[in-house]
């Protein structure tokens, strides 16, 4: 179960990275694993999206802007829509 969950999480993380790339700056190695407690549930797929760092002036300005927040939200919306459309198609 945990392997399936990790695979689902990794798939969604790659999808989110692909959808975010045209709308915001993405690091080349945007998908990484972490041993954070919130990411380790054996039966609940999860990801952590870091859209920027408030200690970075450029990231902070992007996150404080209406357009920046809209771009982050749009990235997540697109990825969620695609993820669930694919799941429904498999039924």
PDB file of N, CA and C in Angstrom:
ATOM      1  N   UNK A   1       0.831  -1.195   0.000  1.00  0.00           N
ATOM      2  CA  UNK A   1       0.000   0.000   0.000  1.00  0.00           C
ATOM      3  C   UNK A   1       0.867   1.246   0.000  1.00  0.00           C
ATOM      4  N   UNK A   2       1.899   1.236   0.825  1.00  0.00           N
ATOM      5  CA  UNK A   2       2.747   2.428   0.918  1.00  0.00           C
ATOM      6  C   UNK A   2       3.457   2.701  -0.411  1.00  0.00           C
ATOM      7  N   UNK A   3       3.887   1.659  -1.120  1.00  0.00           N
ATOM      8  CA  UNK A   3       4.539   1.859  -2.417  1.00  0.00           C
ATOM      9  C   UNK A   3       3.563   2.470  -3.417  1.00  0.00           C
ATOM     10  N   UNK A   4       2.322   1.985  -3.448  1.00  0.00           N
ATOM     11  CA  UNK A   4       1.297   2.549  -4.327  1.00  0.00           C
ATOM     12  C   UNK A   4       1.065   4.022  -4.010  1.00  0.00           C
ATOM     13  N   UNK A   5       0.982   4.317  -2.722  1.00  0.00           N
ATOM     14  CA  UNK A   5       0.766   5.692  -2.276  1.00  0.00           C
ATOM     15  C   UNK A   5       1.918   6.585  -2.696  1.00  0.00           C
ATOM     16  N   UNK A   6       3.146   6.100  -2.524  1.00  0.00           N
ATOM     17  CA  UNK A   6       4.317   6.888  -2.928  1.00  0.00           C
ATOM     18  C   UNK A   6       4.335   7.099  -4.437  1.00  0.00           C
ATOM     19  N   UNK A   7       3.963   6.082  -5.198  1.00  0.00           N
ATOM     20  CA  UNK A   7       3.912   6.220  -6.656  1.00  0.00           C
ATOM     21  C   UNK A   7       2.850   7.226  -7.084  1.00  0.00           C
ATOM     22  N   UNK A   8       1.689   7.192  -6.423  1.00  0.00           N
ATOM     23  CA  UNK A   8       0.630   8.165  -6.733  1.00  0.00           C
ATOM     24  C   UNK A   8       1.098   9.581  -6.409  1.00  0.00           C
ATOM     25  N   UNK A   9       1.756   9.736  -5.276  1.00  0.00           N
ATOM     26  CA  UNK A   9       2.275  11.054  -4.886  1.00  0.00           C
ATOM     27  C   UNK A   9       3.309  11.547  -5.881  1.00  0.00           C
ATOM     28  N   UNK A  10       4.229  10.671  -6.277  1.00  0.00           N
ATOM     29  CA  UNK A  10       5.280  11.054  -7.228  1.00  0.00           C
ATOM     30  C   UNK A  10       4.675  11.428  -8.578  1.00  0.00           C
ATOM     31  N   UNK A  11       3.678  10.687  -9.013  1.00  0.00           N
ATOM     32  CA  UNK A  11       3.016  11.003 -10.277  1.00  0.00           C
ATOM     33  C   UNK A  11       2.346  12.359 -10.242  1.00  0.00           C
ATOM     34  N   UNK A  12       1.668  12.646  -9.138  1.00  0.00           N
ATOM     35  CA  UNK A  12       1.019  13.949  -9.027  1.00  0.00           C
ATOM     36  C   UNK A  12       2.055  15.067  -8.932  1.00  0.00           C
ATOM     37  N   UNK A  13       3.137  14.827  -8.230  1.00  0.00           N
ATOM     38  CA  UNK A  13       4.198  15.844  -8.120  1.00  0.00           C
ATOM     39  C   UNK A  13       4.773  16.178  -9.496  1.00  0.00           C
ATOM     40  N   UNK A  14       5.021  15.147 -10.317  1.00  0.00           N
ATOM     41  CA  UNK A  14       5.520  15.399 -11.679  1.00  0.00           C
ATOM     42  C   UNK A  14       4.494  16.167 -12.506  1.00  0.00           C
ATOM     43  N   UNK A  15       3.232  15.791 -12.369  1.00  0.00           N
ATOM     44  CA  UNK A  15       2.157  16.475 -13.089  1.00  0.00           C
ATOM     45  C   UNK A  15       2.071  17.937 -12.661  1.00  0.00           C
ATOM     46  N   UNK A  16       2.122  18.190 -11.369  1.00  0.00           N
ATOM     47  CA  UNK A  16       2.063  19.566 -10.872  1.00  0.00           C
ATOM     48  C   UNK A  16       3.257  20.369 -11.365  1.00  0.00           C
ATOM     49  N   UNK A  17       4.426  19.779 -11.361  1.00  0.00           N
ATOM     50  CA  UNK A  17       5.607  20.475 -11.872  1.00  0.00           C
ATOM     51  C   UNK A  17       5.450  20.843 -13.330  1.00  0.00           C
ATOM     52  N   UNK A  18       4.909  19.904 -14.119  1.00  0.00           N
ATOM     53  CA  UNK A  18       4.692  20.167 -15.551  1.00  0.00           C
ATOM     54  C   UNK A  18       3.685  21.298 -15.755  1.00  0.00           C
ATOM     55  N   UNK A  19       2.622  21.313 -14.984  1.00  0.00           N
ATOM     56  CA  UNK A  19       1.591  22.345 -15.125  1.00  0.00           C
ATOM     57  C   UNK A  19       2.065  23.696 -14.594  1.00  0.00           C
ATOM     58  N   UNK A  20       2.939  23.690 -13.610  1.00  0.00           N
ATOM     59  CA  UNK A  20       3.429  24.939 -13.017  1.00  0.00           C
ATOM     60  C   UNK A  20       4.503  25.600 -13.870  1.00  0.00           C
ATOM     61  N   UNK A  21       5.252  24.788 -14.605  1.00  0.00           N
ATOM     62  CA  UNK A  21       6.410  25.305 -15.344  1.00  0.00           C
ATOM     63  C   UNK A  21       6.120  26.523 -16.213  1.00  0.00           C
ATOM     64  N   UNK A  22       5.021  26.573 -16.974  1.00  0.00           N
ATOM     65  CA  UNK A  22       4.801  27.768 -17.783  1.00  0.00           C
ATOM     66  C   UNK A  22       4.341  28.983 -16.975  1.00  0.00           C
ATOM     67  N   UNK A  23       3.938  28.774 -15.729  1.00  0.00           N
ATOM     68  CA  UNK A  23       3.340  29.860 -14.951  1.00  0.00           C
ATOM     69  C   UNK A  23       4.230  30.414 -13.842  1.00  0.00           C
ATOM     70  N   UNK A  24       5.272  29.685 -13.492  1.00  0.00           N
ATOM     71  CA  UNK A  24       6.138  30.137 -12.407  1.00  0.00           C
ATOM     72  C   UNK A  24       7.507  29.484 -12.533  1.00  0.00           C
ATOM     73  N   UNK A  25       8.475  30.067 -11.862  1.00  0.00           N
ATOM     74  CA  UNK A  25       9.830  29.519 -11.900  1.00  0.00           C
ATOM     75  C   UNK A  25       9.854  28.180 -11.167  1.00  0.00           C
ATOM     76  N   UNK A  26      10.398  27.170 -11.837  1.00  0.00           N
ATOM     77  CA  UNK A  26      10.491  25.827 -11.271  1.00  0.00           C
ATOM     78  C   UNK A  26      11.951  25.392 -11.338  1.00  0.00           C
ATOM     79  N   UNK A  27      12.450  24.839 -10.230  1.00  0.00           N
ATOM     80  CA  UNK A  27      13.810  24.315 -10.233  1.00  0.00           C
ATOM     81  C   UNK A  27      13.869  23.067 -11.108  1.00  0.00           C
ATOM     82  N   UNK A  28      15.013  22.832 -11.750  1.00  0.00           N
ATOM     83  CA  UNK A  28      15.129  21.646 -12.604  1.00  0.00           C
ATOM     84  C   UNK A  28      14.861  20.341 -11.847  1.00  0.00           C
ATOM     85  N   UNK A  29      15.252  20.275 -10.593  1.00  0.00           N
ATOM     86  CA  UNK A  29      15.038  19.079  -9.778  1.00  0.00           C
ATOM     87  C   UNK A  29      13.876  19.302  -8.801  1.00  0.00           C
ATOM     88  N   UNK A  30      12.719  19.715  -9.331  1.00  0.00           N
ATOM     89  CA  UNK A  30      11.603  20.118  -8.475  1.00  0.00           C
ATOM     90  C   UNK A  30      10.999  18.964  -7.689  1.00  0.00           C
ATOM     91  N   UNK A  31      11.171  17.732  -8.152  1.00  0.00           N
ATOM     92  CA  UNK A  31      10.587  16.604  -7.431  1.00  0.00           C
ATOM     93  C   UNK A  31      11.665  15.896  -6.620  1.00  0.00           C
ATOM     94  N   UNK A  32      11.506  15.948  -5.308  1.00  0.00           N
ATOM     95  CA  UNK A  32      12.440  15.277  -4.404  1.00  0.00           C
ATOM     96  C   UNK A  32      11.643  14.561  -3.334  1.00  0.00           C
ATOM     97  N   UNK A  33      12.250  13.609  -2.691  1.00  0.00           N
ATOM     98  CA  UNK A  33      11.622  12.881  -1.591  1.00  0.00           C
ATOM     99  C   UNK A  33      12.044  13.543  -0.274  1.00  0.00           C
ATOM    100  N   UNK A  34      11.179  13.439   0.733  1.00  0.00           N
ATOM    101  CA  UNK A  34      11.501  13.982   2.051  1.00  0.00           C
ATOM    102  C   UNK A  34      10.872  13.095   3.115  1.00  0.00           C
ATOM    103  N   UNK A  35      11.511  13.022   4.250  1.00  0.00           N
ATOM    104  CA  UNK A  35      10.999  12.211   5.357  1.00  0.00           C
ATOM    105  C   UNK A  35      10.212  13.077   6.337  1.00  0.00           C
ATOM    106  N   UNK A  36       9.298  13.863   5.816  1.00  0.00           N
ATOM    107  CA  UNK A  36       8.473  14.702   6.669  1.00  0.00           C
ATOM    108  C   UNK A  36       7.249  13.913   7.111  1.00  0.00           C
ATOM    109  N   UNK A  37       6.877  14.040   8.360  1.00  0.00           N
ATOM    110  CA  UNK A  37       5.766  13.258   8.900  1.00  0.00           C
ATOM    111  C   UNK A  37       4.479  13.456   8.096  1.00  0.00           C
ATOM    112  N   UNK A  38       4.209  14.659   7.626  1.00  0.00           N
ATOM    113  CA  UNK A  38       2.971  14.917   6.877  1.00  0.00           C
ATOM    114  C   UNK A  38       2.963  14.218   5.521  1.00  0.00           C
ATOM    115  N   UNK A  39       4.109  13.732   5.063  1.00  0.00           N
ATOM    116  CA  UNK A  39       4.197  13.071   3.771  1.00  0.00           C
ATOM    117  C   UNK A  39       4.300  11.553   3.894  1.00  0.00           C
ATOM    118  N   UNK A  40       4.213  11.008   5.095  1.00  0.00           N
ATOM    119  CA  UNK A  40       4.509   9.600   5.290  1.00  0.00           C
ATOM    120  C   UNK A  40       3.298   8.721   5.597  1.00  0.00           C
ATOM    121  N   UNK A  41       2.083   9.214   5.457  1.00  0.00           N
ATOM    122  CA  UNK A  41       0.917   8.364   5.690  1.00  0.00           C
ATOM    123  C   UNK A  41       0.939   7.212   4.681  1.00  0.00           C
ATOM    124  N   UNK A  42       0.745   5.985   5.127  1.00  0.00           N
ATOM    125  CA  UNK A  42       0.873   4.851   4.216  1.00  0.00           C
ATOM    126  C   UNK A  42      -0.241   4.740   3.174  1.00  0.00           C
ATOM    127  N   UNK A  43      -1.372   5.406   3.405  1.00  0.00           N
ATOM    128  CA  UNK A  43      -2.518   5.217   2.509  1.00  0.00           C
ATOM    129  C   UNK A  43      -3.096   6.512   1.951  1.00  0.00           C
ATOM    130  N   UNK A  44      -2.400   7.622   2.145  1.00  0.00           N
ATOM    131  CA  UNK A  44      -2.883   8.906   1.655  1.00  0.00           C
ATOM    132  C   UNK A  44      -1.807   9.564   0.800  1.00  0.00           C
ATOM    133  N   UNK A  45      -2.021   9.629  -0.512  1.00  0.00           N
ATOM    134  CA  UNK A  45      -1.028  10.311  -1.349  1.00  0.00           C
ATOM    135  C   UNK A  45      -0.878  11.775  -0.905  1.00  0.00           C
ATOM    136  N   UNK A  46       0.345  12.260  -0.898  1.00  0.00           N
ATOM    137  CA  UNK A  46       0.569  13.640  -0.464  1.00  0.00           C
ATOM    138  C   UNK A  46       1.818  14.195  -1.133  1.00  0.00           C
ATOM    139  N   UNK A  47       1.804  15.512  -1.297  1.00  0.00           N
ATOM    140  CA  UNK A  47       2.972  16.229  -1.799  1.00  0.00           C
ATOM    141  C   UNK A  47       3.093  17.523  -1.012  1.00  0.00           C
ATOM    142  N   UNK A  48       4.249  18.117  -1.064  1.00  0.00           N
ATOM    143  CA  UNK A  48       4.498  19.428  -0.474  1.00  0.00           C
ATOM    144  C   UNK A  48       4.935  20.339  -1.608  1.00  0.00           C
ATOM    145  N   UNK A  49       4.172  21.387  -1.841  1.00  0.00           N
ATOM    146  CA  UNK A  49       4.503  22.346  -2.892  1.00  0.00           C
ATOM    147  C   UNK A  49       5.153  23.559  -2.249  1.00  0.00           C
ATOM    148  N   UNK A  50       6.385  23.798  -2.619  1.00  0.00           N
ATOM    149  CA  UNK A  50       7.083  25.005  -2.183  1.00  0.00           C
ATOM    150  C   UNK A  50       7.078  25.965  -3.362  1.00  0.00           C
ATOM    151  N   UNK A  51       6.246  26.982  -3.283  1.00  0.00           N
ATOM    152  CA  UNK A  51       6.080  27.917  -4.396  1.00  0.00           C
ATOM    153  C   UNK A  51       7.104  29.040  -4.350  1.00  0.00           C
ATOM    154  N   UNK A  52       7.909  29.069  -3.343  1.00  0.00           N
ATOM    155  CA  UNK A  52       8.935  30.097  -3.213  1.00  0.00           C
ATOM    156  C   UNK A  52       9.333  30.240  -1.759  1.00  0.00           C
ATOM    157  N   UNK A  53      10.273  31.132  -1.523  1.00  0.00           N
ATOM    158  CA  UNK A  53      10.785  31.361  -0.177  1.00  0.00           C
ATOM    159  C   UNK A  53      10.629  32.846   0.155  1.00  0.00           C
ATOM    160  N   UNK A  54      10.008  33.136   1.278  1.00  0.00           N
ATOM    161  CA  UNK A  54       9.802  34.543   1.634  1.00  0.00           C
ATOM    162  C   UNK A  54      11.118  35.252   1.950  1.00  0.00           C
ATOM    163  N   UNK A  55      12.183  34.487   2.197  1.00  0.00           N
ATOM    164  CA  UNK A  55      13.488  35.099   2.431  1.00  0.00           C
ATOM    165  C   UNK A  55      14.178  35.501   1.128  1.00  0.00           C
ATOM    166  N   UNK A  56      13.639  35.086  -0.018  1.00  0.00           N
ATOM    167  CA  UNK A  56      14.170  35.441  -1.323  1.00  0.00           C
ATOM    168  C   UNK A  56      13.340  36.609  -1.857  1.00  0.00           C
ATOM    169  N   UNK A  57      13.979  37.711  -2.185  1.00  0.00           N
ATOM    170  CA  UNK A  57      13.242  38.910  -2.602  1.00  0.00           C
ATOM    171  C   UNK A  57      12.374  38.677  -3.835  1.00  0.00           C
ATOM    172  N   UNK A  58      12.893  37.978  -4.830  1.00  0.00           N
ATOM    173  CA  UNK A  58      12.099  37.702  -6.039  1.00  0.00           C
ATOM    174  C   UNK A  58      10.907  36.798  -5.734  1.00  0.00           C
ATOM    175  N   UNK A  59      11.159  35.725  -4.983  1.00  0.00           N
ATOM    176  CA  UNK A  59      10.072  34.809  -4.616  1.00  0.00           C
ATOM    177  C   UNK A  59       9.029  35.533  -3.777  1.00  0.00           C
ATOM    178  N   UNK A  60       9.495  36.335  -2.836  1.00  0.00           N
ATOM    179  CA  UNK A  60       8.582  37.057  -1.958  1.00  0.00           C
ATOM    180  C   UNK A  60       7.692  38.012  -2.748  1.00  0.00           C
ATOM    181  N   UNK A  61       8.281  38.721  -3.696  1.00  0.00           N
ATOM    182  CA  UNK A  61       7.498  39.645  -4.526  1.00  0.00           C
ATOM    183  C   UNK A  61       6.488  38.876  -5.372  1.00  0.00           C
ATOM    184  N   UNK A  62       6.906  37.729  -5.925  1.00  0.00           N
ATOM    185  CA  UNK A  62       6.007  36.896  -6.726  1.00  0.00           C
ATOM    186  C   UNK A  62       4.831  36.417  -5.877  1.00  0.00           C
ATOM    187  N   UNK A  63       5.114  35.893  -4.685  1.00  0.00           N
ATOM    188  CA  UNK A  63       4.063  35.366  -3.815  1.00  0.00           C
ATOM    189  C   UNK A  63       3.156  36.459  -3.257  1.00  0.00           C
ATOM    190  N   UNK A  64       3.676  37.675  -3.149  1.00  0.00           N
ATOM    191  CA  UNK A  64       2.867  38.789  -2.626  1.00  0.00           C
ATOM    192  C   UNK A  64       1.981  39.405  -3.706  1.00  0.00           C
ATOM    193  N   UNK A  65       2.281  39.113  -4.962  1.00  0.00           N
ATOM    194  CA  UNK A  65       1.513  39.723  -6.053  1.00  0.00           C
ATOM    195  C   UNK A  65       0.241  38.925  -6.337  1.00  0.00           C
ATOM    196  N   UNK A  66      -0.776  39.632  -6.790  1.00  0.00           N
ATOM    197  CA  UNK A  66      -2.021  38.958  -7.178  1.00  0.00           C
ATOM    198  C   UNK A  66      -1.760  37.957  -8.304  1.00  0.00           C
ATOM    199  N   UNK A  67      -0.950  38.344  -9.288  1.00  0.00           N
ATOM    200  CA  UNK A  67      -0.657  37.464 -10.420  1.00  0.00           C
ATOM    201  C   UNK A  67       0.118  36.230  -9.971  1.00  0.00           C
ATOM    202  N   UNK A  68       1.066  36.412  -9.067  1.00  0.00           N
ATOM    203  CA  UNK A  68       1.839  35.276  -8.562  1.00  0.00           C
ATOM    204  C   UNK A  68       0.949  34.263  -7.867  1.00  0.00           C
ATOM    205  N   UNK A  69       0.094  34.735  -6.988  1.00  0.00           N
ATOM    206  CA  UNK A  69      -0.830  33.827  -6.287  1.00  0.00           C
ATOM    207  C   UNK A  69      -1.795  33.172  -7.267  1.00  0.00           C
ATOM    208  N   UNK A  70      -2.252  33.924  -8.258  1.00  0.00           N
ATOM    209  CA  UNK A  70      -3.143  33.352  -9.270  1.00  0.00           C
ATOM    210  C   UNK A  70      -2.421  32.263 -10.073  1.00  0.00           C
ATOM    211  N   UNK A  71      -1.153  32.473 -10.380  1.00  0.00           N
ATOM    212  CA  UNK A  71      -0.384  31.473 -11.126  1.00  0.00           C
ATOM    213  C   UNK A  71      -0.193  30.199 -10.310  1.00  0.00           C
ATOM    214  N   UNK A  72       0.092  30.337  -9.032  1.00  0.00           N
ATOM    215  CA  UNK A  72       0.233  29.158  -8.171  1.00  0.00           C
ATOM    216  C   UNK A  72      -1.098  28.410  -8.122  1.00  0.00           C
ATOM    217  N   UNK A  73      -2.176  29.128  -7.890  1.00  0.00           N
ATOM    218  CA  UNK A  73      -3.501  28.504  -7.813  1.00  0.00           C
ATOM    219  C   UNK A  73      -3.871  27.834  -9.132  1.00  0.00           C
ATOM    220  N   UNK A  74      -3.584  28.483 -10.251  1.00  0.00           N
ATOM    221  CA  UNK A  74      -3.889  27.925 -11.570  1.00  0.00           C
ATOM    222  C   UNK A  74      -3.096  26.641 -11.812  1.00  0.00           C
ATOM    223  N   UNK A  75      -1.847  26.616 -11.396  1.00  0.00           N
ATOM    224  CA  UNK A  75      -1.025  25.415 -11.537  1.00  0.00           C
ATOM    225  C   UNK A  75      -1.648  24.249 -10.790  1.00  0.00           C
ATOM    226  N   UNK A  76      -2.039  24.499  -9.561  1.00  0.00           N
ATOM    227  CA  UNK A  76      -2.633  23.445  -8.732  1.00  0.00           C
ATOM    228  C   UNK A  76      -3.978  23.016  -9.320  1.00  0.00           C
ATOM    229  N   UNK A  77      -4.796  23.974  -9.743  1.00  0.00           N
ATOM    230  CA  UNK A  77      -6.103  23.651 -10.325  1.00  0.00           C
ATOM    231  C   UNK A  77      -5.950  22.744 -11.543  1.00  0.00           C
ATOM    232  N   UNK A  78      -5.047  23.110 -12.434  1.00  0.00           N
ATOM    233  CA  UNK A  78      -4.833  22.314 -13.650  1.00  0.00           C
ATOM    234  C   UNK A  78      -4.398  20.898 -13.303  1.00  0.00           C
ATOM    235  N   UNK A  79      -3.434  20.787 -12.396  1.00  0.00           N
ATOM    236  CA  UNK A  79      -2.910  19.467 -12.030  1.00  0.00           C
ATOM    237  C   UNK A  79      -3.994  18.603 -11.382  1.00  0.00           C
ATOM    238  N   UNK A  80      -4.791  19.181 -10.511  1.00  0.00           N
ATOM    239  CA  UNK A  80      -5.862  18.424  -9.856  1.00  0.00           C
ATOM    240  C   UNK A  80      -6.895  17.969 -10.883  1.00  0.00           C
ATOM    241  N   UNK A  81      -7.284  18.851 -11.783  1.00  0.00           N
ATOM    242  CA  UNK A  81      -8.244  18.484 -12.831  1.00  0.00           C
ATOM    243  C   UNK A  81      -7.730  17.324 -13.683  1.00  0.00           C
ATOM    244  N   UNK A  82      -6.497  17.405 -14.107  1.00  0.00           N
ATOM    245  CA  UNK A  82      -5.919  16.352 -14.950  1.00  0.00           C
ATOM    246  C   UNK A  82      -5.812  15.048 -14.173  1.00  0.00           C
ATOM    247  N   UNK A  83      -5.349  15.130 -12.944  1.00  0.00           N
ATOM    248  CA  UNK A  83      -5.188  13.934 -12.114  1.00  0.00           C
ATOM    249  C   UNK A  83      -6.507  13.174 -11.975  1.00  0.00           C
ATOM    250  N   UNK A  84      -7.578  13.894 -11.626  1.00  0.00           N
ATOM    251  CA  UNK A  84      -8.858  13.217 -11.424  1.00  0.00           C
ATOM    252  C   UNK A  84      -9.520  12.824 -12.742  1.00  0.00           C
ATOM    253  N   UNK A  85      -9.282  13.554 -13.807  1.00  0.00           N
ATOM    254  CA  UNK A  85      -9.800  13.153 -15.121  1.00  0.00           C
ATOM    255  C   UNK A  85      -9.155  11.835 -15.537  1.00  0.00           C
ATOM    256  N   UNK A  86      -7.878  11.682 -15.296  1.00  0.00           N
ATOM    257  CA  UNK A  86      -7.198  10.428 -15.621  1.00  0.00           C
ATOM    258  C   UNK A  86      -7.747   9.275 -14.786  1.00  0.00           C
ATOM    259  N   UNK A  87      -7.983   9.531 -13.520  1.00  0.00           N
ATOM    260  CA  UNK A  87      -8.520   8.466 -12.651  1.00  0.00           C
ATOM    261  C   UNK A  87      -9.904   8.034 -13.096  1.00  0.00           C
ATOM    262  N   UNK A  88     -10.731   9.017 -13.487  1.00  0.00           N
ATOM    263  CA  UNK A  88     -12.076   8.673 -13.960  1.00  0.00           C
ATOM    264  C   UNK A  88     -12.028   7.908 -15.269  1.00  0.00           C
ATOM    265  N   UNK A  89     -11.056   8.231 -16.114  1.00  0.00           N
ATOM    266  CA  UNK A  89     -10.929   7.556 -17.399  1.00  0.00           C
ATOM    267  C   UNK A  89     -10.528   6.089 -17.224  1.00  0.00           C
ATOM    268  N   UNK A  90      -9.848   5.777 -16.129  1.00  0.00           N
ATOM    269  CA  UNK A  90      -9.417   4.403 -15.884  1.00  0.00           C
ATOM    270  C   UNK A  90     -10.542   3.514 -15.361  1.00  0.00           C
ATOM    271  N   UNK A  91     -11.627   4.101 -14.965  1.00  0.00           N
ATOM    272  CA  UNK A  91     -12.744   3.305 -14.425  1.00  0.00           C
ATOM    273  C   UNK A  91     -13.494   2.586 -15.472  1.00  0.00           C
TER     274      UNK A  91
END
